[in-house]
Amino acid sequence: MKLYTKTICPKCLWVKSELQRARLRADIINIDLDEQAKQTIMEAGFLSVPVLEYEGKFIGDVKEVISQIELIAQ
């Protein structure tokens, strides 16, 4: 599981806190520092973060990301 974020991003912080609360681990990738990662999510059709990559699927809607975290945590 990968979470693509930016340095200053309130929604990213929210998703990270939800991951911690669910006791799930994810690779946190800051697209401000990783141009290849930025290209990856852009090629997947996303222009903003947070984006969760899970089992080859990209999820960019924050509510869907939170729902996915809750499902995984069960």
Protein backbone atom coordinates (compact mmCIF):
# COMPACT_ATOMS: atom_id res chain seq x y z
CA MET A 1 0.00 0.00 0.00
CA LYS A 2 1.30 3.43 -0.95
CA LEU A 3 0.02 6.86 0.00
CA TYR A 4 1.05 9.71 -2.27
CA THR A 5 1.13 13.06 -0.45
CA LYS A 6 2.58 16.57 -0.55
CA THR A 7 4.54 18.50 2.05
CA ILE A 8 1.66 20.84 2.94
CA CYS A 9 -1.65 19.02 2.58
CA PRO A 10 -4.34 18.93 5.29
CA LYS A 11 -6.19 16.05 3.61
CA CYS A 12 -2.95 14.07 3.45
CA LEU A 13 -2.44 14.59 7.18
CA TRP A 14 -6.00 13.39 7.83
CA VAL A 15 -5.45 10.20 5.81
CA LYS A 16 -2.10 9.56 7.52
CA SER A 17 -3.78 9.89 10.92
CA GLU A 18 -6.49 7.44 9.84
CA LEU A 19 -3.81 4.94 8.79
CA GLN A 20 -2.17 5.28 12.20
CA ARG A 21 -5.49 4.93 13.99
CA ALA A 22 -6.22 1.74 12.03
CA ARG A 23 -2.67 0.50 12.79
CA LEU A 24 -1.94 0.06 9.09
CA ARG A 25 1.40 0.59 7.41
CA ALA A 26 1.80 2.31 4.09
CA ASP A 27 4.72 3.66 2.14
CA ILE A 28 4.31 7.44 2.36
CA ILE A 29 5.57 9.04 -0.83
CA ASN A 30 5.92 12.82 -0.97
CA ILE A 31 5.47 13.88 -4.60
CA ASP A 32 7.16 17.21 -3.84
CA LEU A 33 10.36 15.20 -3.36
CA ASP A 34 9.81 12.37 -5.87
CA GLU A 35 9.24 13.41 -9.49
CA GLN A 36 8.77 9.81 -10.64
CA ALA A 37 5.99 9.29 -8.10
CA LYS A 38 4.35 12.52 -9.27
CA GLN A 39 4.43 11.21 -12.84
CA THR A 40 2.97 7.89 -11.68
CA ILE A 41 -0.14 9.44 -10.19
CA MET A 42 -0.51 11.88 -13.08
CA GLU A 43 -0.41 8.97 -15.53
CA ALA A 44 -3.10 7.31 -13.40
CA GLY A 45 -5.26 10.41 -13.97
CA PHE A 46 -4.80 12.31 -10.71
CA LEU A 47 -3.87 15.97 -10.38
CA SER A 48 -4.08 16.22 -6.60
CA VAL A 49 -3.24 14.23 -3.50
CA PRO A 50 -3.77 12.26 -1.34
CA VAL A 51 -3.86 9.21 -3.60
CA LEU A 52 -3.86 5.72 -2.15
CA GLU A 53 -2.45 2.87 -4.22
CA TYR A 54 -3.71 -0.49 -3.01
CA GLU A 55 -3.51 -3.79 -4.87
CA GLY A 56 -2.76 -1.98 -8.13
CA LYS A 57 -5.76 0.35 -7.80
CA PHE A 58 -5.45 4.11 -7.32
CA ILE A 59 -8.00 5.93 -5.13
CA GLY A 60 -8.02 9.73 -5.07
CA ASP A 61 -11.28 10.63 -3.36
CA VAL A 62 -10.54 11.21 0.33
CA LYS A 63 -13.79 9.64 1.52
CA GLU A 64 -13.10 6.57 -0.61
CA VAL A 65 -9.55 6.41 0.76
CA ILE A 66 -10.87 6.48 4.34
CA SER A 67 -13.45 3.81 3.49
CA GLN A 68 -10.73 1.62 1.96
CA ILE A 69 -8.59 2.02 5.08
CA GLU A 70 -11.54 0.96 7.25
CA LEU A 71 -12.14 -2.10 5.05
CA ILE A 72 -8.50 -3.16 5.15
CA ALA A 73 -8.36 -2.73 8.92
CA GLN A 74 -11.22 -5.19 9.53
